[in-house]
Amino acid sequence: MVSGKSLLEYLEEVTLHEEKNNGSRFQVQYVIRPQTEDLHDYRGYAGQILSGTFKKGDEIQILPAGLTSEISKIEIHGVEKEEAFEGQPAVIHITHDLDISRGDLLQPEKSFLP
């Protein structure tokens, strides 16, 4: 004989713990590199947040290369923000000068994906 709660009782009472890593994904759609004197050091990666949230200061991994960096700035509609959410178009800036191209994926450094 089996004792304890039924599966249905367990599922109704179970508490889900939110993961620290929220499964965030951002695919680069366009690399912004203005060739003007005013913005000679500007390099932003434009796209839409596919899932999760990105915050200024987050450590990220760039795939497929496996490079890592940190988010230094997030712009939404030309205004600097502290974070960006799923579905928002954004321009993400990173602290390192890395070779990132259209189609590359930005995700938290410690991610669910290998």
PDB file of N, CA and C in Angstrom:
ATOM      1  N   MET A   1       0.841  -1.179   0.000  1.00  0.00           N
ATOM      2  CA  MET A   1       0.000   0.000   0.000  1.00  0.00           C
ATOM      3  C   MET A   1       0.889   1.248   0.000  1.00  0.00           C
ATOM      4  N   VAL A   2       0.512   2.233  -0.787  1.00  0.00           N
ATOM      5  CA  VAL A   2       1.252   3.494  -0.911  1.00  0.00           C
ATOM      6  C   VAL A   2       0.637   4.515   0.033  1.00  0.00           C
ATOM      7  N   SER A   3       1.506   5.230   0.743  1.00  0.00           N
ATOM      8  CA  SER A   3       0.994   6.262   1.649  1.00  0.00           C
ATOM      9  C   SER A   3       1.462   7.635   1.181  1.00  0.00           C
ATOM     10  N   GLY A   4       0.856   8.654   1.717  1.00  0.00           N
ATOM     11  CA  GLY A   4       1.230  10.016   1.343  1.00  0.00           C
ATOM     12  C   GLY A   4       0.167  10.652   0.470  1.00  0.00           C
ATOM     13  N   LYS A   5       0.520  11.835  -0.037  1.00  0.00           N
ATOM     14  CA  LYS A   5      -0.433  12.593  -0.852  1.00  0.00           C
ATOM     15  C   LYS A   5      -0.514  12.028  -2.260  1.00  0.00           C
ATOM     16  N   SER A   6      -1.650  12.264  -2.862  1.00  0.00           N
ATOM     17  CA  SER A   6      -1.798  11.877  -4.263  1.00  0.00           C
ATOM     18  C   SER A   6      -1.043  12.885  -5.133  1.00  0.00           C
ATOM     19  N   LEU A   7      -0.813  12.524  -6.368  1.00  0.00           N
ATOM     20  CA  LEU A   7      -0.122  13.417  -7.295  1.00  0.00           C
ATOM     21  C   LEU A   7      -0.881  14.729  -7.454  1.00  0.00           C
ATOM     22  N   LEU A   8      -2.176  14.674  -7.574  1.00  0.00           N
ATOM     23  CA  LEU A   8      -2.982  15.879  -7.730  1.00  0.00           C
ATOM     24  C   LEU A   8      -2.861  16.786  -6.508  1.00  0.00           C
ATOM     25  N   GLU A   9      -2.902  16.194  -5.302  1.00  0.00           N
ATOM     26  CA  GLU A   9      -2.745  16.995  -4.081  1.00  0.00           C
ATOM     27  C   GLU A   9      -1.378  17.680  -4.052  1.00  0.00           C
ATOM     28  N   TYR A  10      -0.343  16.940  -4.425  1.00  0.00           N
ATOM     29  CA  TYR A  10       1.007  17.503  -4.450  1.00  0.00           C
ATOM     30  C   TYR A  10       1.094  18.666  -5.439  1.00  0.00           C
ATOM     31  N   LEU A  11       0.575  18.480  -6.640  1.00  0.00           N
ATOM     32  CA  LEU A  11       0.643  19.521  -7.666  1.00  0.00           C
ATOM     33  C   LEU A  11      -0.123  20.778  -7.272  1.00  0.00           C
ATOM     34  N   GLU A  12      -1.204  20.604  -6.528  1.00  0.00           N
ATOM     35  CA  GLU A  12      -1.980  21.758  -6.082  1.00  0.00           C
ATOM     36  C   GLU A  12      -1.279  22.546  -4.979  1.00  0.00           C
ATOM     37  N   GLU A  13      -0.373  21.908  -4.251  1.00  0.00           N
ATOM     38  CA  GLU A  13       0.283  22.549  -3.113  1.00  0.00           C
ATOM     39  C   GLU A  13       1.746  22.922  -3.367  1.00  0.00           C
ATOM     40  N   VAL A  14       2.328  22.408  -4.420  1.00  0.00           N
ATOM     41  CA  VAL A  14       3.758  22.624  -4.659  1.00  0.00           C
ATOM     42  C   VAL A  14       4.073  24.111  -4.839  1.00  0.00           C
ATOM     43  N   THR A  15       5.205  24.533  -4.294  1.00  0.00           N
ATOM     44  CA  THR A  15       5.671  25.906  -4.432  1.00  0.00           C
ATOM     45  C   THR A  15       6.835  25.922  -5.414  1.00  0.00           C
ATOM     46  N   LEU A  16       6.717  26.696  -6.454  1.00  0.00           N
ATOM     47  CA  LEU A  16       7.785  26.815  -7.434  1.00  0.00           C
ATOM     48  C   LEU A  16       8.719  27.927  -7.015  1.00  0.00           C
ATOM     49  N   HIS A  17       9.996  27.647  -7.079  1.00  0.00           N
ATOM     50  CA  HIS A  17      11.001  28.647  -6.732  1.00  0.00           C
ATOM     51  C   HIS A  17      11.514  29.277  -8.003  1.00  0.00           C
ATOM     52  N   GLU A  18      11.531  30.585  -8.029  1.00  0.00           N
ATOM     53  CA  GLU A  18      12.002  31.304  -9.203  1.00  0.00           C
ATOM     54  C   GLU A  18      13.506  31.141  -9.320  1.00  0.00           C
ATOM     55  N   GLU A  19      13.962  30.790 -10.502  1.00  0.00           N
ATOM     56  CA  GLU A  19      15.387  30.664 -10.758  1.00  0.00           C
ATOM     57  C   GLU A  19      16.030  32.038 -10.797  1.00  0.00           C
ATOM     58  N   LYS A  20      17.269  32.119 -10.326  1.00  0.00           N
ATOM     59  CA  LYS A  20      18.006  33.373 -10.416  1.00  0.00           C
ATOM     60  C   LYS A  20      18.192  33.752 -11.883  1.00  0.00           C
ATOM     61  N   ASN A  21      18.501  32.768 -12.691  1.00  0.00           N
ATOM     62  CA  ASN A  21      18.628  32.994 -14.126  1.00  0.00           C
ATOM     63  C   ASN A  21      17.244  32.859 -14.736  1.00  0.00           C
ATOM     64  N   ASN A  22      16.765  33.906 -15.356  1.00  0.00           N
ATOM     65  CA  ASN A  22      15.388  33.916 -15.843  1.00  0.00           C
ATOM     66  C   ASN A  22      15.230  33.439 -17.279  1.00  0.00           C
ATOM     67  N   GLY A  23      16.250  32.803 -17.837  1.00  0.00           N
ATOM     68  CA  GLY A  23      16.130  32.307 -19.194  1.00  0.00           C
ATOM     69  C   GLY A  23      16.058  33.421 -20.229  1.00  0.00           C
ATOM     70  N   SER A  24      16.710  34.531 -19.957  1.00  0.00           N
ATOM     71  CA  SER A  24      16.658  35.693 -20.843  1.00  0.00           C
ATOM     72  C   SER A  24      17.400  35.429 -22.150  1.00  0.00           C
ATOM     73  N   ARG A  25      16.839  35.956 -23.229  1.00  0.00           N
ATOM     74  CA  ARG A  25      17.453  35.815 -24.555  1.00  0.00           C
ATOM     75  C   ARG A  25      17.277  37.115 -25.339  1.00  0.00           C
ATOM     76  N   PHE A  26      18.330  37.510 -26.039  1.00  0.00           N
ATOM     77  CA  PHE A  26      18.310  38.699 -26.893  1.00  0.00           C
ATOM     78  C   PHE A  26      19.105  38.349 -28.140  1.00  0.00           C
ATOM     79  N   GLN A  27      18.465  38.413 -29.303  1.00  0.00           N
ATOM     80  CA  GLN A  27      19.163  38.133 -30.550  1.00  0.00           C
ATOM     81  C   GLN A  27      19.497  39.448 -31.241  1.00  0.00           C
ATOM     82  N   VAL A  28      20.767  39.596 -31.601  1.00  0.00           N
ATOM     83  CA  VAL A  28      21.225  40.813 -32.263  1.00  0.00           C
ATOM     84  C   VAL A  28      20.642  40.863 -33.672  1.00  0.00           C
ATOM     85  N   GLN A  29      19.922  41.960 -33.964  1.00  0.00           N
ATOM     86  CA  GLN A  29      19.357  42.146 -35.294  1.00  0.00           C
ATOM     87  C   GLN A  29      20.146  43.161 -36.109  1.00  0.00           C
ATOM     88  N   TYR A  30      20.845  44.052 -35.394  1.00  0.00           N
ATOM     89  CA  TYR A  30      21.581  45.107 -36.099  1.00  0.00           C
ATOM     90  C   TYR A  30      22.680  45.646 -35.185  1.00  0.00           C
ATOM     91  N   VAL A  31      23.878  45.824 -35.734  1.00  0.00           N
ATOM     92  CA  VAL A  31      24.988  46.423 -34.987  1.00  0.00           C
ATOM     93  C   VAL A  31      25.054  47.893 -35.377  1.00  0.00           C
ATOM     94  N   ILE A  32      24.945  48.765 -34.386  1.00  0.00           N
ATOM     95  CA  ILE A  32      24.932  50.212 -34.639  1.00  0.00           C
ATOM     96  C   ILE A  32      26.331  50.764 -34.384  1.00  0.00           C
ATOM     97  N   ARG A  33      26.965  51.275 -35.448  1.00  0.00           N
ATOM     98  CA  ARG A  33      28.299  51.865 -35.376  1.00  0.00           C
ATOM     99  C   ARG A  33      28.317  53.156 -36.188  1.00  0.00           C
ATOM    100  N   PRO A  34      27.800  54.253 -35.645  1.00  0.00           N
ATOM    101  CA  PRO A  34      27.807  55.509 -36.402  1.00  0.00           C
ATOM    102  C   PRO A  34      29.245  55.948 -36.700  1.00  0.00           C
ATOM    103  N   GLN A  35      29.443  56.481 -37.846  1.00  0.00           N
ATOM    104  CA  GLN A  35      30.768  56.948 -38.242  1.00  0.00           C
ATOM    105  C   GLN A  35      30.837  58.473 -38.152  1.00  0.00           C
ATOM    106  N   THR A  36      30.455  58.995 -36.995  1.00  0.00           N
ATOM    107  CA  THR A  36      30.483  60.441 -36.799  1.00  0.00           C
ATOM    108  C   THR A  36      31.488  60.791 -35.713  1.00  0.00           C
ATOM    109  N   GLU A  37      31.958  62.014 -35.730  1.00  0.00           N
ATOM    110  CA  GLU A  37      32.903  62.484 -34.721  1.00  0.00           C
ATOM    111  C   GLU A  37      32.259  62.502 -33.332  1.00  0.00           C
ATOM    112  N   ASP A  38      30.978  62.879 -33.240  1.00  0.00           N
ATOM    113  CA  ASP A  38      30.288  62.932 -31.950  1.00  0.00           C
ATOM    114  C   ASP A  38      30.120  61.552 -31.315  1.00  0.00           C
ATOM    115  N   LEU A  39      29.949  60.530 -32.137  1.00  0.00           N
ATOM    116  CA  LEU A  39      29.686  59.174 -31.631  1.00  0.00           C
ATOM    117  C   LEU A  39      30.764  58.187 -32.073  1.00  0.00           C
ATOM    118  N   HIS A  40      32.016  58.587 -32.082  1.00  0.00           N
ATOM    119  CA  HIS A  40      33.062  57.736 -32.636  1.00  0.00           C
ATOM    120  C   HIS A  40      33.294  56.446 -31.833  1.00  0.00           C
ATOM    121  N   ASP A  41      32.940  56.410 -30.556  1.00  0.00           N
ATOM    122  CA  ASP A  41      33.107  55.192 -29.747  1.00  0.00           C
ATOM    123  C   ASP A  41      31.795  54.441 -29.528  1.00  0.00           C
ATOM    124  N   TYR A  42      30.722  54.856 -30.171  1.00  0.00           N
ATOM    125  CA  TYR A  42      29.406  54.248 -29.951  1.00  0.00           C
ATOM    126  C   TYR A  42      29.336  52.886 -30.641  1.00  0.00           C
ATOM    127  N   ARG A  43      28.951  51.874 -29.885  1.00  0.00           N
ATOM    128  CA  ARG A  43      28.676  50.551 -30.465  1.00  0.00           C
ATOM    129  C   ARG A  43      27.520  49.947 -29.686  1.00  0.00           C
ATOM    130  N   GLY A  44      26.381  49.799 -30.346  1.00  0.00           N
ATOM    131  CA  GLY A  44      25.202  49.229 -29.711  1.00  0.00           C
ATOM    132  C   GLY A  44      24.681  48.061 -30.519  1.00  0.00           C
ATOM    133  N   TYR A  45      24.023  47.158 -29.829  1.00  0.00           N
ATOM    134  CA  TYR A  45      23.462  45.971 -30.466  1.00  0.00           C
ATOM    135  C   TYR A  45      21.950  46.051 -30.350  1.00  0.00           C
ATOM    136  N   ALA A  46      21.293  46.228 -31.489  1.00  0.00           N
ATOM    137  CA  ALA A  46      19.845  46.437 -31.521  1.00  0.00           C
ATOM    138  C   ALA A  46      19.119  45.125 -31.768  1.00  0.00           C
ATOM    139  N   GLY A  47      17.964  44.997 -31.121  1.00  0.00           N
ATOM    140  CA  GLY A  47      17.128  43.821 -31.306  1.00  0.00           C
ATOM    141  C   GLY A  47      15.939  43.897 -30.373  1.00  0.00           C
ATOM    142  N   GLN A  48      15.273  42.782 -30.225  1.00  0.00           N
ATOM    143  CA  GLN A  48      14.116  42.701 -29.340  1.00  0.00           C
ATOM    144  C   GLN A  48      14.413  41.654 -28.272  1.00  0.00           C
ATOM    145  N   ILE A  49      14.006  41.945 -27.044  1.00  0.00           N
ATOM    146  CA  ILE A  49      14.185  40.976 -25.960  1.00  0.00           C
ATOM    147  C   ILE A  49      13.247  39.807 -26.247  1.00  0.00           C
ATOM    148  N   LEU A  50      13.806  38.641 -26.527  1.00  0.00           N
ATOM    149  CA  LEU A  50      12.995  37.473 -26.876  1.00  0.00           C
ATOM    150  C   LEU A  50      12.331  36.858 -25.657  1.00  0.00           C
ATOM    151  N   SER A  51      13.043  36.871 -24.529  1.00  0.00           N
ATOM    152  CA  SER A  51      12.473  36.329 -23.294  1.00  0.00           C
ATOM    153  C   SER A  51      13.222  36.881 -22.098  1.00  0.00           C
ATOM    154  N   GLY A  52      12.544  36.941 -20.974  1.00  0.00           N
ATOM    155  CA  GLY A  52      13.180  37.346 -19.734  1.00  0.00           C
ATOM    156  C   GLY A  52      13.435  38.833 -19.620  1.00  0.00           C
ATOM    157  N   THR A  53      14.455  39.163 -18.830  1.00  0.00           N
ATOM    158  CA  THR A  53      14.795  40.538 -18.502  1.00  0.00           C
ATOM    159  C   THR A  53      16.302  40.712 -18.558  1.00  0.00           C
ATOM    160  N   PHE A  54      16.747  41.853 -19.054  1.00  0.00           N
ATOM    161  CA  PHE A  54      18.160  42.220 -19.022  1.00  0.00           C
ATOM    162  C   PHE A  54      18.299  43.492 -18.215  1.00  0.00           C
ATOM    163  N   LYS A  55      19.336  43.551 -17.358  1.00  0.00           N
ATOM    164  CA  LYS A  55      19.580  44.720 -16.516  1.00  0.00           C
ATOM    165  C   LYS A  55      20.995  45.223 -16.713  1.00  0.00           C
ATOM    166  N   LYS A  56      21.161  46.509 -16.548  1.00  0.00           N
ATOM    167  CA  LYS A  56      22.485  47.117 -16.578  1.00  0.00           C
ATOM    168  C   LYS A  56      23.332  46.434 -15.505  1.00  0.00           C
ATOM    169  N   GLY A  57      24.532  46.004 -15.877  1.00  0.00           N
ATOM    170  CA  GLY A  57      25.420  45.317 -14.945  1.00  0.00           C
ATOM    171  C   GLY A  57      25.364  43.802 -15.024  1.00  0.00           C
ATOM    172  N   ASP A  58      24.364  43.244 -15.749  1.00  0.00           N
ATOM    173  CA  ASP A  58      24.279  41.789 -15.904  1.00  0.00           C
ATOM    174  C   ASP A  58      25.496  41.255 -16.632  1.00  0.00           C
ATOM    175  N   GLU A  59      26.011  40.123 -16.165  1.00  0.00           N
ATOM    176  CA  GLU A  59      27.055  39.417 -16.898  1.00  0.00           C
ATOM    177  C   GLU A  59      26.362  38.580 -17.958  1.00  0.00           C
ATOM    178  N   ILE A  60      26.869  38.656 -19.186  1.00  0.00           N
ATOM    179  CA  ILE A  60      26.227  37.950 -20.292  1.00  0.00           C
ATOM    180  C   ILE A  60      27.224  37.091 -21.041  1.00  0.00           C
ATOM    181  N   GLN A  61      26.674  36.157 -21.773  1.00  0.00           N
ATOM    182  CA  GLN A  61      27.443  35.306 -22.664  1.00  0.00           C
ATOM    183  C   GLN A  61      26.958  35.577 -24.074  1.00  0.00           C
ATOM    184  N   ILE A  62      27.885  35.632 -25.028  1.00  0.00           N
ATOM    185  CA  ILE A  62      27.552  35.864 -26.425  1.00  0.00           C
ATOM    186  C   ILE A  62      27.759  34.550 -27.174  1.00  0.00           C
ATOM    187  N   LEU A  63      26.692  34.064 -27.789  1.00  0.00           N
ATOM    188  CA  LEU A  63      26.751  32.813 -28.538  1.00  0.00           C
ATOM    189  C   LEU A  63      26.636  33.091 -30.024  1.00  0.00           C
ATOM    190  N   PRO A  64      27.260  32.342 -30.886  1.00  0.00           N
ATOM    191  CA  PRO A  64      27.851  31.039 -30.630  1.00  0.00           C
ATOM    192  C   PRO A  64      29.305  31.084 -30.153  1.00  0.00           C
ATOM    193  N   ALA A  65      29.946  32.234 -30.097  1.00  0.00           N
ATOM    194  CA  ALA A  65      31.368  32.319 -29.777  1.00  0.00           C
ATOM    195  C   ALA A  65      31.689  31.924 -28.336  1.00  0.00           C
ATOM    196  N   GLY A  66      30.726  32.077 -27.412  1.00  0.00           N
ATOM    197  CA  GLY A  66      30.973  31.755 -26.020  1.00  0.00           C
ATOM    198  C   GLY A  66      31.717  32.842 -25.261  1.00  0.00           C
ATOM    199  N   LEU A  67      31.794  34.039 -25.833  1.00  0.00           N
ATOM    200  CA  LEU A  67      32.455  35.169 -25.180  1.00  0.00           C
ATOM    201  C   LEU A  67      31.597  35.684 -24.032  1.00  0.00           C
ATOM    202  N   THR A  68      32.223  36.361 -23.068  1.00  0.00           N
ATOM    203  CA  THR A  68      31.481  36.934 -21.957  1.00  0.00           C
ATOM    204  C   THR A  68      31.793  38.416 -21.818  1.00  0.00           C
ATOM    205  N   SER A  69      30.834  39.161 -21.295  1.00  0.00           N
ATOM    206  CA  SER A  69      30.988  40.590 -21.047  1.00  0.00           C
ATOM    207  C   SER A  69      29.935  41.004 -20.030  1.00  0.00           C
ATOM    208  N   GLU A  70      29.768  42.294 -19.872  1.00  0.00           N
ATOM    209  CA  GLU A  70      28.792  42.848 -18.946  1.00  0.00           C
ATOM    210  C   GLU A  70      28.008  43.942 -19.659  1.00  0.00           C
ATOM    211  N   ILE A  71      26.723  44.047 -19.367  1.00  0.00           N
ATOM    212  CA  ILE A  71      25.901  45.099 -19.967  1.00  0.00           C
ATOM    213  C   ILE A  71      26.263  46.433 -19.310  1.00  0.00           C
ATOM    214  N   SER A  72      26.694  47.387 -20.120  1.00  0.00           N
ATOM    215  CA  SER A  72      27.073  48.696 -19.592  1.00  0.00           C
ATOM    216  C   SER A  72      25.947  49.718 -19.726  1.00  0.00           C
ATOM    217  N   LYS A  73      25.059  49.489 -20.701  1.00  0.00           N
ATOM    218  CA  LYS A  73      23.980  50.455 -20.938  1.00  0.00           C
ATOM    219  C   LYS A  73      22.875  49.775 -21.732  1.00  0.00           C
ATOM    220  N   ILE A  74      21.630  50.187 -21.450  1.00  0.00           N
ATOM    221  CA  ILE A  74      20.462  49.718 -22.203  1.00  0.00           C
ATOM    222  C   ILE A  74      19.691  50.949 -22.645  1.00  0.00           C
ATOM    223  N   GLU A  75      19.377  51.012 -23.940  1.00  0.00           N
ATOM    224  CA  GLU A  75      18.574  52.117 -24.472  1.00  0.00           C
ATOM    225  C   GLU A  75      17.269  51.571 -25.033  1.00  0.00           C
ATOM    226  N   ILE A  76      16.183  52.268 -24.726  1.00  0.00           N
ATOM    227  CA  ILE A  76      14.872  51.954 -25.295  1.00  0.00           C
ATOM    228  C   ILE A  76      14.322  53.254 -25.856  1.00  0.00           C
ATOM    229  N   HIS A  77      14.081  53.278 -27.161  1.00  0.00           N
ATOM    230  CA  HIS A  77      13.605  54.480 -27.861  1.00  0.00           C
ATOM    231  C   HIS A  77      14.529  55.671 -27.594  1.00  0.00           C
ATOM    232  N   GLY A  78      15.838  55.412 -27.570  1.00  0.00           N
ATOM    233  CA  GLY A  78      16.821  56.477 -27.398  1.00  0.00           C
ATOM    234  C   GLY A  78      17.000  56.977 -25.974  1.00  0.00           C
ATOM    235  N   VAL A  79      16.320  56.354 -25.019  1.00  0.00           N
ATOM    236  CA  VAL A  79      16.407  56.765 -23.614  1.00  0.00           C
ATOM    237  C   VAL A  79      17.104  55.658 -22.824  1.00  0.00           C
ATOM    238  N   GLU A  80      18.098  56.033 -22.029  1.00  0.00           N
ATOM    239  CA  GLU A  80      18.805  55.045 -21.228  1.00  0.00           C
ATOM    240  C   GLU A  80      17.915  54.529 -20.100  1.00  0.00           C
ATOM    241  N   LYS A  81      17.882  53.193 -19.948  1.00  0.00           N
ATOM    242  CA  LYS A  81      17.056  52.536 -18.932  1.00  0.00           C
ATOM    243  C   LYS A  81      17.931  51.590 -18.107  1.00  0.00           C
ATOM    244  N   GLU A  82      17.449  51.228 -16.938  1.00  0.00           N
ATOM    245  CA  GLU A  82      18.160  50.286 -16.071  1.00  0.00           C
ATOM    246  C   GLU A  82      17.916  48.833 -16.481  1.00  0.00           C
ATOM    247  N   GLU A  83      16.744  48.566 -17.107  1.00  0.00           N
ATOM    248  CA  GLU A  83      16.430  47.208 -17.512  1.00  0.00           C
ATOM    249  C   GLU A  83      15.472  47.200 -18.698  1.00  0.00           C
ATOM    250  N   ALA A  84      15.437  46.054 -19.375  1.00  0.00           N
ATOM    251  CA  ALA A  84      14.535  45.861 -20.509  1.00  0.00           C
ATOM    252  C   ALA A  84      13.869  44.500 -20.346  1.00  0.00           C
ATOM    253  N   PHE A  85      12.604  44.424 -20.773  1.00  0.00           N
ATOM    254  CA  PHE A  85      11.788  43.237 -20.565  1.00  0.00           C
ATOM    255  C   PHE A  85      11.436  42.563 -21.884  1.00  0.00           C
ATOM    256  N   GLU A  86      10.960  41.334 -21.767  1.00  0.00           N
ATOM    257  CA  GLU A  86      10.531  40.548 -22.920  1.00  0.00           C
ATOM    258  C   GLU A  86       9.592  41.356 -23.807  1.00  0.00           C
ATOM    259  N   GLY A  87       9.859  41.321 -25.108  1.00  0.00           N
ATOM    260  CA  GLY A  87       9.012  41.998 -26.083  1.00  0.00           C
ATOM    261  C   GLY A  87       9.441  43.419 -26.408  1.00  0.00           C
ATOM    262  N   GLN A  88      10.312  44.017 -25.595  1.00  0.00           N
ATOM    263  CA  GLN A  88      10.736  45.396 -25.857  1.00  0.00           C
ATOM    264  C   GLN A  88      11.875  45.438 -26.870  1.00  0.00           C
ATOM    265  N   PRO A  89      11.807  46.371 -27.819  1.00  0.00           N
ATOM    266  CA  PRO A  89      12.975  46.610 -28.665  1.00  0.00           C
ATOM    267  C   PRO A  89      13.999  47.384 -27.834  1.00  0.00           C
ATOM    268  N   ALA A  90      15.258  47.038 -27.968  1.00  0.00           N
ATOM    269  CA  ALA A  90      16.287  47.684 -27.156  1.00  0.00           C
ATOM    270  C   ALA A  90      17.612  47.739 -27.902  1.00  0.00           C
ATOM    271  N   VAL A  91      18.473  48.617 -27.424  1.00  0.00           N
ATOM    272  CA  VAL A  91      19.863  48.663 -27.861  1.00  0.00           C
ATOM    273  C   VAL A  91      20.697  48.371 -26.627  1.00  0.00           C
ATOM    274  N   ILE A  92      21.481  47.295 -26.686  1.00  0.00           N
ATOM    275  CA  ILE A  92      22.309  46.882 -25.562  1.00  0.00           C
ATOM    276  C   ILE A  92      23.764  47.215 -25.860  1.00  0.00           C
ATOM    277  N   HIS A  93      24.434  47.796 -24.862  1.00  0.00           N
ATOM    278  CA  HIS A  93      25.863  48.111 -24.939  1.00  0.00           C
ATOM    279  C   HIS A  93      26.591  47.215 -23.947  1.00  0.00           C
ATOM    280  N   ILE A  94      27.805  46.796 -24.294  1.00  0.00           N
ATOM    281  CA  ILE A  94      28.585  45.955 -23.395  1.00  0.00           C
ATOM    282  C   ILE A  94      29.916  46.627 -23.077  1.00  0.00           C
ATOM    283  N   THR A  95      30.574  46.142 -22.036  1.00  0.00           N
ATOM    284  CA  THR A  95      31.807  46.784 -21.569  1.00  0.00           C
ATOM    285  C   THR A  95      33.016  46.460 -22.428  1.00  0.00           C
ATOM    286  N   HIS A  96      33.004  45.331 -23.123  1.00  0.00           N
ATOM    287  CA  HIS A  96      34.162  44.930 -23.929  1.00  0.00           C
ATOM    288  C   HIS A  96      33.919  45.180 -25.415  1.00  0.00           C
ATOM    289  N   ASP A  97      34.986  45.405 -26.140  1.00  0.00           N
ATOM    290  CA  ASP A  97      34.919  45.598 -27.589  1.00  0.00           C
ATOM    291  C   ASP A  97      35.078  44.226 -28.247  1.00  0.00           C
ATOM    292  N   LEU A  98      33.964  43.546 -28.463  1.00  0.00           N
ATOM    293  CA  LEU A  98      33.970  42.187 -29.001  1.00  0.00           C
ATOM    294  C   LEU A  98      33.383  42.155 -30.397  1.00  0.00           C
ATOM    295  N   ASP A  99      33.728  41.109 -31.133  1.00  0.00           N
ATOM    296  CA  ASP A  99      33.206  40.927 -32.484  1.00  0.00           C
ATOM    297  C   ASP A  99      31.847  40.231 -32.391  1.00  0.00           C
ATOM    298  N   ILE A 100      30.795  41.038 -32.371  1.00  0.00           N
ATOM    299  CA  ILE A 100      29.428  40.526 -32.295  1.00  0.00           C
ATOM    300  C   ILE A 100      28.724  40.911 -33.585  1.00  0.00           C
ATOM    301  N   SER A 101      27.991  39.963 -34.156  1.00  0.00           N
ATOM    302  CA  SER A 101      27.345  40.181 -35.443  1.00  0.00           C
ATOM    303  C   SER A 101      25.852  39.908 -35.365  1.00  0.00           C
ATOM    304  N   ARG A 102      25.170  40.296 -36.440  1.00  0.00           N
ATOM    305  CA  ARG A 102      23.751  40.006 -36.557  1.00  0.00           C
ATOM    306  C   ARG A 102      23.529  38.504 -36.413  1.00  0.00           C
ATOM    307  N   GLY A 103      22.516  38.138 -35.631  1.00  0.00           N
ATOM    308  CA  GLY A 103      22.205  36.732 -35.410  1.00  0.00           C
ATOM    309  C   GLY A 103      22.811  36.159 -34.146  1.00  0.00           C
ATOM    310  N   ASP A 104      23.822  36.824 -33.578  1.00  0.00           N
ATOM    311  CA  ASP A 104      24.399  36.342 -32.322  1.00  0.00           C
ATOM    312  C   ASP A 104      23.364  36.465 -31.206  1.00  0.00           C
ATOM    313  N   LEU A 105      23.501  35.630 -30.203  1.00  0.00           N
ATOM    314  CA  LEU A 105      22.550  35.576 -29.103  1.00  0.00           C
ATOM    315  C   LEU A 105      23.227  36.025 -27.819  1.00  0.00           C
ATOM    316  N   LEU A 106      22.573  36.939 -27.100  1.00  0.00           N
ATOM    317  CA  LEU A 106      23.037  37.355 -25.785  1.00  0.00           C
ATOM    318  C   LEU A 106      22.145  36.692 -24.751  1.00  0.00           C
ATOM    319  N   GLN A 107      22.768  36.122 -23.722  1.00  0.00           N
ATOM    320  CA  GLN A 107      22.027  35.469 -22.653  1.00  0.00           C
ATOM    321  C   GLN A 107      22.823  35.622 -21.364  1.00  0.00           C
ATOM    322  N   PRO A 108      22.181  35.419 -20.209  1.00  0.00           N
ATOM    323  CA  PRO A 108      22.932  35.494 -18.958  1.00  0.00           C
ATOM    324  C   PRO A 108      24.106  34.517 -18.996  1.00  0.00           C
ATOM    325  N   GLU A 109      25.192  34.885 -18.347  1.00  0.00           N
ATOM    326  CA  GLU A 109      26.405  34.062 -18.408  1.00  0.00           C
ATOM    327  C   GLU A 109      26.163  32.646 -17.899  1.00  0.00           C
ATOM    328  N   LYS A 110      25.416  32.513 -16.814  1.00  0.00           N
ATOM    329  CA  LYS A 110      25.080  31.185 -16.291  1.00  0.00           C
ATOM    330  C   LYS A 110      23.671  30.876 -16.748  1.00  0.00           C
ATOM    331  N   SER A 111      23.573  30.196 -17.852  1.00  0.00           N
ATOM    332  CA  SER A 111      22.277  29.981 -18.496  1.00  0.00           C
ATOM    333  C   SER A 111      21.867  28.523 -18.476  1.00  0.00           C
ATOM    334  N   PHE A 112      20.588  28.288 -18.776  1.00  0.00           N
ATOM    335  CA  PHE A 112      20.085  26.933 -18.869  1.00  0.00           C
ATOM    336  C   PHE A 112      20.620  26.228 -20.116  1.00  0.00           C
ATOM    337  N   LEU A 113      20.975  26.992 -21.146  1.00  0.00           N
ATOM    338  CA  LEU A 113      21.477  26.394 -22.381  1.00  0.00           C
ATOM    339  C   LEU A 113      22.958  26.098 -22.249  1.00  0.00           C
ATOM    340  N   PRO A 114      23.475  25.053 -22.892  1.00  0.00           N
ATOM    341  CA  PRO A 114      24.914  24.756 -22.831  1.00  0.00           C
ATOM    342  C   PRO A 114      25.719  25.784 -23.571  1.00  0.00           C
TER     343      PRO A 114
END
